[in-house]
Amino acid sequence: MYEGEFERDLPHGEGRYTFANGSVYVGEFAKGHIHGEGHFEFQEVQPLSRSAAASAAASWPALAPRLHHRLLTLCSAAY
């Protein structure tokens, strides 16, 4: 869920995105993508199962396509 500034119906400017697992990204967005300064607040402190990692990775494409690919690669390499 995204809370923050919008431009042309896309996240743009300062905002906060909460992932399904409770982790949060707070920072800058540009044209619907995570962009610029920001930080993550990770909810999970234990290793993710393969299905949980895949679920987390599935929520990334719209916000950060390049990071989505890297996350999928890292998740695959862990198993």
PDB file of N, CA and C in Angstrom:
ATOM      1  N   MET A   1       0.836  -1.163   0.000  1.00  0.00           N
ATOM      2  CA  MET A   1       0.000   0.000   0.000  1.00  0.00           C
ATOM      3  C   MET A   1       0.892   1.240   0.000  1.00  0.00           C
ATOM      4  N   TYR A   2       0.593   2.174  -0.875  1.00  0.00           N
ATOM      5  CA  TYR A   2       1.369   3.409  -0.999  1.00  0.00           C
ATOM      6  C   TYR A   2       0.617   4.570  -0.359  1.00  0.00           C
ATOM      7  N   GLU A   3       1.351   5.358   0.393  1.00  0.00           N
ATOM      8  CA  GLU A   3       0.832   6.602   0.955  1.00  0.00           C
ATOM      9  C   GLU A   3       1.842   7.690   0.626  1.00  0.00           C
ATOM     10  N   GLY A   4       1.386   8.769   0.060  1.00  0.00           N
ATOM     11  CA  GLY A   4       2.308   9.856  -0.240  1.00  0.00           C
ATOM     12  C   GLY A   4       1.840  10.705  -1.396  1.00  0.00           C
ATOM     13  N   GLU A   5       2.798  11.369  -2.007  1.00  0.00           N
ATOM     14  CA  GLU A   5       2.507  12.291  -3.094  1.00  0.00           C
ATOM     15  C   GLU A   5       2.310  11.541  -4.408  1.00  0.00           C
ATOM     16  N   PHE A   6       1.454  12.106  -5.261  1.00  0.00           N
ATOM     17  CA  PHE A   6       1.177  11.544  -6.583  1.00  0.00           C
ATOM     18  C   PHE A   6       1.352  12.620  -7.642  1.00  0.00           C
ATOM     19  N   GLU A   7       1.674  12.166  -8.831  1.00  0.00           N
ATOM     20  CA  GLU A   7       1.664  13.022 -10.010  1.00  0.00           C
ATOM     21  C   GLU A   7       1.138  12.178 -11.158  1.00  0.00           C
ATOM     22  N   ARG A   8       0.100  12.643 -11.803  1.00  0.00           N
ATOM     23  CA  ARG A   8      -0.547  11.895 -12.896  1.00  0.00           C
ATOM     24  C   ARG A   8      -0.927  10.485 -12.452  1.00  0.00           C
ATOM     25  N   ASP A   9      -1.497  10.381 -11.255  1.00  0.00           N
ATOM     26  CA  ASP A   9      -1.974   9.119 -10.670  1.00  0.00           C
ATOM     27  C   ASP A   9      -0.881   8.087 -10.403  1.00  0.00           C
ATOM     28  N   LEU A  10       0.381   8.506 -10.338  1.00  0.00           N
ATOM     29  CA  LEU A  10       1.496   7.613 -10.015  1.00  0.00           C
ATOM     30  C   LEU A  10       2.223   8.136  -8.780  1.00  0.00           C
ATOM     31  N   PRO A  11       2.769   7.232  -7.942  1.00  0.00           N
ATOM     32  CA  PRO A  11       3.592   7.689  -6.825  1.00  0.00           C
ATOM     33  C   PRO A  11       4.733   8.562  -7.348  1.00  0.00           C
ATOM     34  N   HIS A  12       4.846   9.773  -6.810  1.00  0.00           N
ATOM     35  CA  HIS A  12       5.871  10.705  -7.283  1.00  0.00           C
ATOM     36  C   HIS A  12       6.142  11.717  -6.176  1.00  0.00           C
ATOM     37  N   GLY A  13       7.394  11.800  -5.749  1.00  0.00           N
ATOM     38  CA  GLY A  13       7.756  12.672  -4.635  1.00  0.00           C
ATOM     39  C   GLY A  13       8.006  11.827  -3.389  1.00  0.00           C
ATOM     40  N   GLU A  14       7.721  12.387  -2.235  1.00  0.00           N
ATOM     41  CA  GLU A  14       7.924  11.659  -0.970  1.00  0.00           C
ATOM     42  C   GLU A  14       6.767  10.707  -0.711  1.00  0.00           C
ATOM     43  N   GLY A  15       7.103   9.483  -0.242  1.00  0.00           N
ATOM     44  CA  GLY A  15       6.047   8.529   0.046  1.00  0.00           C
ATOM     45  C   GLY A  15       6.522   7.375   0.901  1.00  0.00           C
ATOM     46  N   ARG A  16       5.575   6.511   1.184  1.00  0.00           N
ATOM     47  CA  ARG A  16       5.808   5.329   2.021  1.00  0.00           C
ATOM     48  C   ARG A  16       5.071   4.157   1.380  1.00  0.00           C
ATOM     49  N   TYR A  17       5.801   3.053   1.111  1.00  0.00           N
ATOM     50  CA  TYR A  17       5.190   1.854   0.547  1.00  0.00           C
ATOM     51  C   TYR A  17       5.341   0.714   1.536  1.00  0.00           C
ATOM     52  N   THR A  18       4.210   0.128   1.928  1.00  0.00           N
ATOM     53  CA  THR A  18       4.210  -1.006   2.850  1.00  0.00           C
ATOM     54  C   THR A  18       3.984  -2.285   2.061  1.00  0.00           C
ATOM     55  N   PHE A  19       4.918  -3.228   2.176  1.00  0.00           N
ATOM     56  CA  PHE A  19       4.832  -4.516   1.493  1.00  0.00           C
ATOM     57  C   PHE A  19       3.919  -5.459   2.269  1.00  0.00           C
ATOM     58  N   ALA A  20       3.487  -6.532   1.626  1.00  0.00           N
ATOM     59  CA  ALA A  20       2.572  -7.496   2.236  1.00  0.00           C
ATOM     60  C   ALA A  20       3.125  -8.097   3.526  1.00  0.00           C
ATOM     61  N   ASN A  21       4.446  -8.224   3.642  1.00  0.00           N
ATOM     62  CA  ASN A  21       5.035  -8.828   4.844  1.00  0.00           C
ATOM     63  C   ASN A  21       5.235  -7.821   5.977  1.00  0.00           C
ATOM     64  N   GLY A  22       4.839  -6.566   5.759  1.00  0.00           N
ATOM     65  CA  GLY A  22       4.975  -5.545   6.783  1.00  0.00           C
ATOM     66  C   GLY A  22       6.221  -4.688   6.655  1.00  0.00           C
ATOM     67  N   SER A  23       7.155  -5.067   5.791  1.00  0.00           N
ATOM     68  CA  SER A  23       8.336  -4.236   5.553  1.00  0.00           C
ATOM     69  C   SER A  23       7.899  -2.946   4.868  1.00  0.00           C
ATOM     70  N   VAL A  24       8.686  -1.892   5.069  1.00  0.00           N
ATOM     71  CA  VAL A  24       8.298  -0.574   4.570  1.00  0.00           C
ATOM     72  C   VAL A  24       9.471   0.092   3.862  1.00  0.00           C
ATOM     73  N   TYR A  25       9.189   0.781   2.749  1.00  0.00           N
ATOM     74  CA  TYR A  25      10.151   1.672   2.120  1.00  0.00           C
ATOM     75  C   TYR A  25       9.630   3.088   2.315  1.00  0.00           C
ATOM     76  N   VAL A  26      10.469   3.962   2.837  1.00  0.00           N
ATOM     77  CA  VAL A  26      10.127   5.368   3.023  1.00  0.00           C
ATOM     78  C   VAL A  26      11.147   6.184   2.247  1.00  0.00           C
ATOM     79  N   GLY A  27      10.672   7.023   1.343  1.00  0.00           N
ATOM     80  CA  GLY A  27      11.604   7.830   0.585  1.00  0.00           C
ATOM     81  C   GLY A  27      10.991   8.415  -0.661  1.00  0.00           C
ATOM     82  N   GLU A  28      11.842   8.597  -1.650  1.00  0.00           N
ATOM     83  CA  GLU A  28      11.444   9.270  -2.881  1.00  0.00           C
ATOM     84  C   GLU A  28      10.976   8.276  -3.946  1.00  0.00           C
ATOM     85  N   PHE A  29       9.991   8.717  -4.714  1.00  0.00           N
ATOM     86  CA  PHE A  29       9.446   7.970  -5.844  1.00  0.00           C
ATOM     87  C   PHE A  29       9.443   8.899  -7.049  1.00  0.00           C
ATOM     88  N   ALA A  30       9.573   8.326  -8.236  1.00  0.00           N
ATOM     89  CA  ALA A  30       9.483   9.100  -9.471  1.00  0.00           C
ATOM     90  C   ALA A  30       8.725   8.280 -10.505  1.00  0.00           C
ATOM     91  N   LYS A  31       7.637   8.830 -10.993  1.00  0.00           N
ATOM     92  CA  LYS A  31       6.833   8.194 -12.040  1.00  0.00           C
ATOM     93  C   LYS A  31       6.469   6.760 -11.691  1.00  0.00           C
ATOM     94  N   GLY A  32       6.118   6.505 -10.428  1.00  0.00           N
ATOM     95  CA  GLY A  32       5.656   5.189 -10.009  1.00  0.00           C
ATOM     96  C   GLY A  32       6.741   4.231  -9.566  1.00  0.00           C
ATOM     97  N   HIS A  33       8.002   4.684  -9.537  1.00  0.00           N
ATOM     98  CA  HIS A  33       9.112   3.810  -9.177  1.00  0.00           C
ATOM     99  C   HIS A  33       9.879   4.357  -7.972  1.00  0.00           C
ATOM    100  N   ILE A  34      10.446   3.461  -7.172  1.00  0.00           N
ATOM    101  CA  ILE A  34      11.356   3.867  -6.110  1.00  0.00           C
ATOM    102  C   ILE A  34      12.544   4.535  -6.790  1.00  0.00           C
ATOM    103  N   HIS A  35      12.859   5.751  -6.358  1.00  0.00           N
ATOM    104  CA  HIS A  35      13.901   6.507  -7.042  1.00  0.00           C
ATOM    105  C   HIS A  35      14.430   7.580  -6.103  1.00  0.00           C
ATOM    106  N   GLY A  36      15.731   7.690  -5.980  1.00  0.00           N
ATOM    107  CA  GLY A  36      16.313   8.732  -5.150  1.00  0.00           C
ATOM    108  C   GLY A  36      16.633   8.242  -3.757  1.00  0.00           C
ATOM    109  N   GLU A  37      16.576   9.146  -2.793  1.00  0.00           N
ATOM    110  CA  GLU A  37      16.915   8.845  -1.402  1.00  0.00           C
ATOM    111  C   GLU A  37      15.763   8.125  -0.709  1.00  0.00           C
ATOM    112  N   GLY A  38      16.112   7.179   0.162  1.00  0.00           N
ATOM    113  CA  GLY A  38      15.098   6.486   0.940  1.00  0.00           C
ATOM    114  C   GLY A  38      15.716   5.379   1.762  1.00  0.00           C
ATOM    115  N   HIS A  39      14.882   4.712   2.546  1.00  0.00           N
ATOM    116  CA  HIS A  39      15.384   3.597   3.345  1.00  0.00           C
ATOM    117  C   HIS A  39      14.290   2.551   3.524  1.00  0.00           C
ATOM    118  N   PHE A  40      14.738   1.328   3.809  1.00  0.00           N
ATOM    119  CA  PHE A  40      13.838   0.219   4.062  1.00  0.00           C
ATOM    120  C   PHE A  40      13.787  -0.068   5.553  1.00  0.00           C
ATOM    121  N   GLU A  41      12.626  -0.441   6.034  1.00  0.00           N
ATOM    122  CA  GLU A  41      12.425  -0.918   7.398  1.00  0.00           C
ATOM    123  C   GLU A  41      11.918  -2.350   7.256  1.00  0.00           C
ATOM    124  N   PHE A  42      12.801  -3.326   7.487  1.00  0.00           N
ATOM    125  CA  PHE A  42      12.449  -4.720   7.268  1.00  0.00           C
ATOM    126  C   PHE A  42      11.717  -5.300   8.467  1.00  0.00           C
ATOM    127  N   GLN A  43      10.593  -5.919   8.204  1.00  0.00           N
ATOM    128  CA  GLN A  43       9.782  -6.550   9.242  1.00  0.00           C
ATOM    129  C   GLN A  43      10.318  -7.934   9.585  1.00  0.00           C
ATOM    130  N   GLU A  44      10.695  -8.677   8.570  1.00  0.00           N
ATOM    131  CA  GLU A  44      11.147 -10.049   8.766  1.00  0.00           C
ATOM    132  C   GLU A  44      12.561 -10.071   9.342  1.00  0.00           C
ATOM    133  N   VAL A  45      12.774 -10.821  10.398  1.00  0.00           N
ATOM    134  CA  VAL A  45      14.111 -10.974  10.951  1.00  0.00           C
ATOM    135  C   VAL A  45      14.604 -12.406  10.806  1.00  0.00           C
ATOM    136  N   GLN A  46      13.741 -13.274  10.325  1.00  0.00           N
ATOM    137  CA  GLN A  46      14.111 -14.666  10.101  1.00  0.00           C
ATOM    138  C   GLN A  46      14.207 -14.914   8.598  1.00  0.00           C
ATOM    139  N   PRO A  47      14.954 -15.926   8.178  1.00  0.00           N
ATOM    140  CA  PRO A  47      15.072 -16.213   6.746  1.00  0.00           C
ATOM    141  C   PRO A  47      13.703 -16.486   6.130  1.00  0.00           C
ATOM    142  N   LEU A  48      13.513 -16.011   4.912  1.00  0.00           N
ATOM    143  CA  LEU A  48      12.259 -16.250   4.208  1.00  0.00           C
ATOM    144  C   LEU A  48      12.264 -17.638   3.581  1.00  0.00           C
ATOM    145  N   SER A  49      11.109 -18.290   3.605  1.00  0.00           N
ATOM    146  CA  SER A  49      10.974 -19.538   2.870  1.00  0.00           C
ATOM    147  C   SER A  49      10.961 -19.205   1.379  1.00  0.00           C
ATOM    148  N   ARG A  50      11.133 -20.199   0.555  1.00  0.00           N
ATOM    149  CA  ARG A  50      11.128 -19.954  -0.892  1.00  0.00           C
ATOM    150  C   ARG A  50       9.804 -19.335  -1.334  1.00  0.00           C
ATOM    151  N   SER A  51       8.680 -19.823  -0.806  1.00  0.00           N
ATOM    152  CA  SER A  51       7.389 -19.264  -1.209  1.00  0.00           C
ATOM    153  C   SER A  51       7.221 -17.834  -0.703  1.00  0.00           C
ATOM    154  N   ALA A  52       7.713 -17.529   0.492  1.00  0.00           N
ATOM    155  CA  ALA A  52       7.617 -16.169   1.011  1.00  0.00           C
ATOM    156  C   ALA A  52       8.508 -15.235   0.203  1.00  0.00           C
ATOM    157  N   ALA A  53       9.693 -15.703  -0.185  1.00  0.00           N
ATOM    158  CA  ALA A  53      10.597 -14.883  -0.996  1.00  0.00           C
ATOM    159  C   ALA A  53       9.974 -14.604  -2.354  1.00  0.00           C
ATOM    160  N   ALA A  54       9.351 -15.624  -2.950  1.00  0.00           N
ATOM    161  CA  ALA A  54       8.702 -15.446  -4.251  1.00  0.00           C
ATOM    162  C   ALA A  54       7.538 -14.465  -4.132  1.00  0.00           C
ATOM    163  N   SER A  55       6.803 -14.543  -3.039  1.00  0.00           N
ATOM    164  CA  SER A  55       5.690 -13.628  -2.811  1.00  0.00           C
ATOM    165  C   SER A  55       6.186 -12.193  -2.672  1.00  0.00           C
ATOM    166  N   ALA A  56       7.256 -12.003  -1.914  1.00  0.00           N
ATOM    167  CA  ALA A  56       7.830 -10.661  -1.749  1.00  0.00           C
ATOM    168  C   ALA A  56       8.337 -10.136  -3.087  1.00  0.00           C
ATOM    169  N   ALA A  57       8.993 -10.999  -3.848  1.00  0.00           N
ATOM    170  CA  ALA A  57       9.539 -10.592  -5.146  1.00  0.00           C
ATOM    171  C   ALA A  57       8.426 -10.209  -6.107  1.00  0.00           C
ATOM    172  N   ALA A  58       7.273 -10.876  -5.999  1.00  0.00           N
ATOM    173  CA  ALA A  58       6.159 -10.602  -6.909  1.00  0.00           C
ATOM    174  C   ALA A  58       5.599  -9.200  -6.726  1.00  0.00           C
ATOM    175  N   SER A  59       5.799  -8.597  -5.552  1.00  0.00           N
ATOM    176  CA  SER A  59       5.249  -7.261  -5.319  1.00  0.00           C
ATOM    177  C   SER A  59       6.165  -6.154  -5.831  1.00  0.00           C
ATOM    178  N   TRP A  60       7.342  -6.482  -6.344  1.00  0.00           N
ATOM    179  CA  TRP A  60       8.319  -5.478  -6.770  1.00  0.00           C
ATOM    180  C   TRP A  60       8.180  -4.943  -8.184  1.00  0.00           C
ATOM    181  N   PRO A  61       7.675  -5.678  -9.167  1.00  0.00           N
ATOM    182  CA  PRO A  61       7.801  -5.220 -10.553  1.00  0.00           C
ATOM    183  C   PRO A  61       7.309  -3.807 -10.810  1.00  0.00           C
ATOM    184  N   ALA A  62       6.187  -3.437 -10.244  1.00  0.00           N
ATOM    185  CA  ALA A  62       5.616  -2.125 -10.542  1.00  0.00           C
ATOM    186  C   ALA A  62       6.444  -0.995  -9.938  1.00  0.00           C
ATOM    187  N   LEU A  63       7.104  -1.252  -8.828  1.00  0.00           N
ATOM    188  CA  LEU A  63       7.827  -0.178  -8.148  1.00  0.00           C
ATOM    189  C   LEU A  63       9.296  -0.105  -8.513  1.00  0.00           C
ATOM    190  N   ALA A  64       9.919  -1.237  -8.757  1.00  0.00           N
ATOM    191  CA  ALA A  64      11.358  -1.217  -9.015  1.00  0.00           C
ATOM    192  C   ALA A  64      11.751  -2.387  -9.909  1.00  0.00           C
ATOM    193  N   PRO A  65      11.528  -2.268 -11.208  1.00  0.00           N
ATOM    194  CA  PRO A  65      11.786  -3.389 -12.116  1.00  0.00           C
ATOM    195  C   PRO A  65      13.204  -3.939 -12.048  1.00  0.00           C
ATOM    196  N   ARG A  66      14.210  -3.064 -11.967  1.00  0.00           N
ATOM    197  CA  ARG A  66      15.592  -3.550 -11.933  1.00  0.00           C
ATOM    198  C   ARG A  66      15.867  -4.298 -10.632  1.00  0.00           C
ATOM    199  N   LEU A  67      15.384  -3.758  -9.519  1.00  0.00           N
ATOM    200  CA  LEU A  67      15.573  -4.429  -8.242  1.00  0.00           C
ATOM    201  C   LEU A  67      14.789  -5.733  -8.185  1.00  0.00           C
ATOM    202  N   HIS A  68      13.639  -5.775  -8.848  1.00  0.00           N
ATOM    203  CA  HIS A  68      12.834  -6.992  -8.889  1.00  0.00           C
ATOM    204  C   HIS A  68      13.635  -8.141  -9.489  1.00  0.00           C
ATOM    205  N   HIS A  69      14.305  -7.878 -10.603  1.00  0.00           N
ATOM    206  CA  HIS A  69      15.109  -8.917 -11.247  1.00  0.00           C
ATOM    207  C   HIS A  69      16.238  -9.377 -10.317  1.00  0.00           C
ATOM    208  N   ARG A  70      16.894  -8.424  -9.657  1.00  0.00           N
ATOM    209  CA  ARG A  70      17.993  -8.771  -8.746  1.00  0.00           C
ATOM    210  C   ARG A  70      17.475  -9.561  -7.554  1.00  0.00           C
ATOM    211  N   LEU A  71      16.302  -9.189  -7.031  1.00  0.00           N
ATOM    212  CA  LEU A  71      15.720  -9.909  -5.903  1.00  0.00           C
ATOM    213  C   LEU A  71      15.384 -11.341  -6.288  1.00  0.00           C
ATOM    214  N   LEU A  72      14.808 -11.529  -7.481  1.00  0.00           N
ATOM    215  CA  LEU A  72      14.498 -12.884  -7.943  1.00  0.00           C
ATOM    216  C   LEU A  72      15.779 -13.709  -8.077  1.00  0.00           C
ATOM    217  N   THR A  73      16.828 -13.086  -8.600  1.00  0.00           N
ATOM    218  CA  THR A  73      18.106 -13.780  -8.770  1.00  0.00           C
ATOM    219  C   THR A  73      18.672 -14.185  -7.402  1.00  0.00           C
ATOM    220  N   LEU A  74      18.644 -13.273  -6.451  1.00  0.00           N
ATOM    221  CA  LEU A  74      19.154 -13.578  -5.122  1.00  0.00           C
ATOM    222  C   LEU A  74      18.343 -14.673  -4.451  1.00  0.00           C
ATOM    223  N   CYS A  75      17.018 -14.624  -4.592  1.00  0.00           N
ATOM    224  CA  CYS A  75      16.155 -15.641  -3.982  1.00  0.00           C
ATOM    225  C   CYS A  75      16.420 -17.012  -4.591  1.00  0.00           C
ATOM    226  N   SER A  76      16.599 -17.039  -5.895  1.00  0.00           N
ATOM    227  CA  SER A  76      16.875 -18.314  -6.570  1.00  0.00           C
ATOM    228  C   SER A  76      18.213 -18.886  -6.160  1.00  0.00           C
ATOM    229  N   ALA A  77      19.195 -18.015  -5.993  1.00  0.00           N
ATOM    230  CA  ALA A  77      20.538 -18.462  -5.627  1.00  0.00           C
ATOM    231  C   ALA A  77      20.604 -18.991  -4.197  1.00  0.00           C
ATOM    232  N   ALA A  78      19.664 -18.558  -3.365  1.00  0.00           N
ATOM    233  CA  ALA A  78      19.681 -18.975  -1.952  1.00  0.00           C
ATOM    234  C   ALA A  78      19.191 -20.407  -1.765  1.00  0.00           C
ATOM    235  N   TYR A  79      18.561 -20.967  -2.803  1.00  0.00           N
ATOM    236  CA  TYR A  79      18.001 -22.327  -2.654  1.00  0.00           C
ATOM    237  C   TYR A  79      18.607 -23.297  -3.611  1.00  0.00           C
TER     238      TYR A  79
END
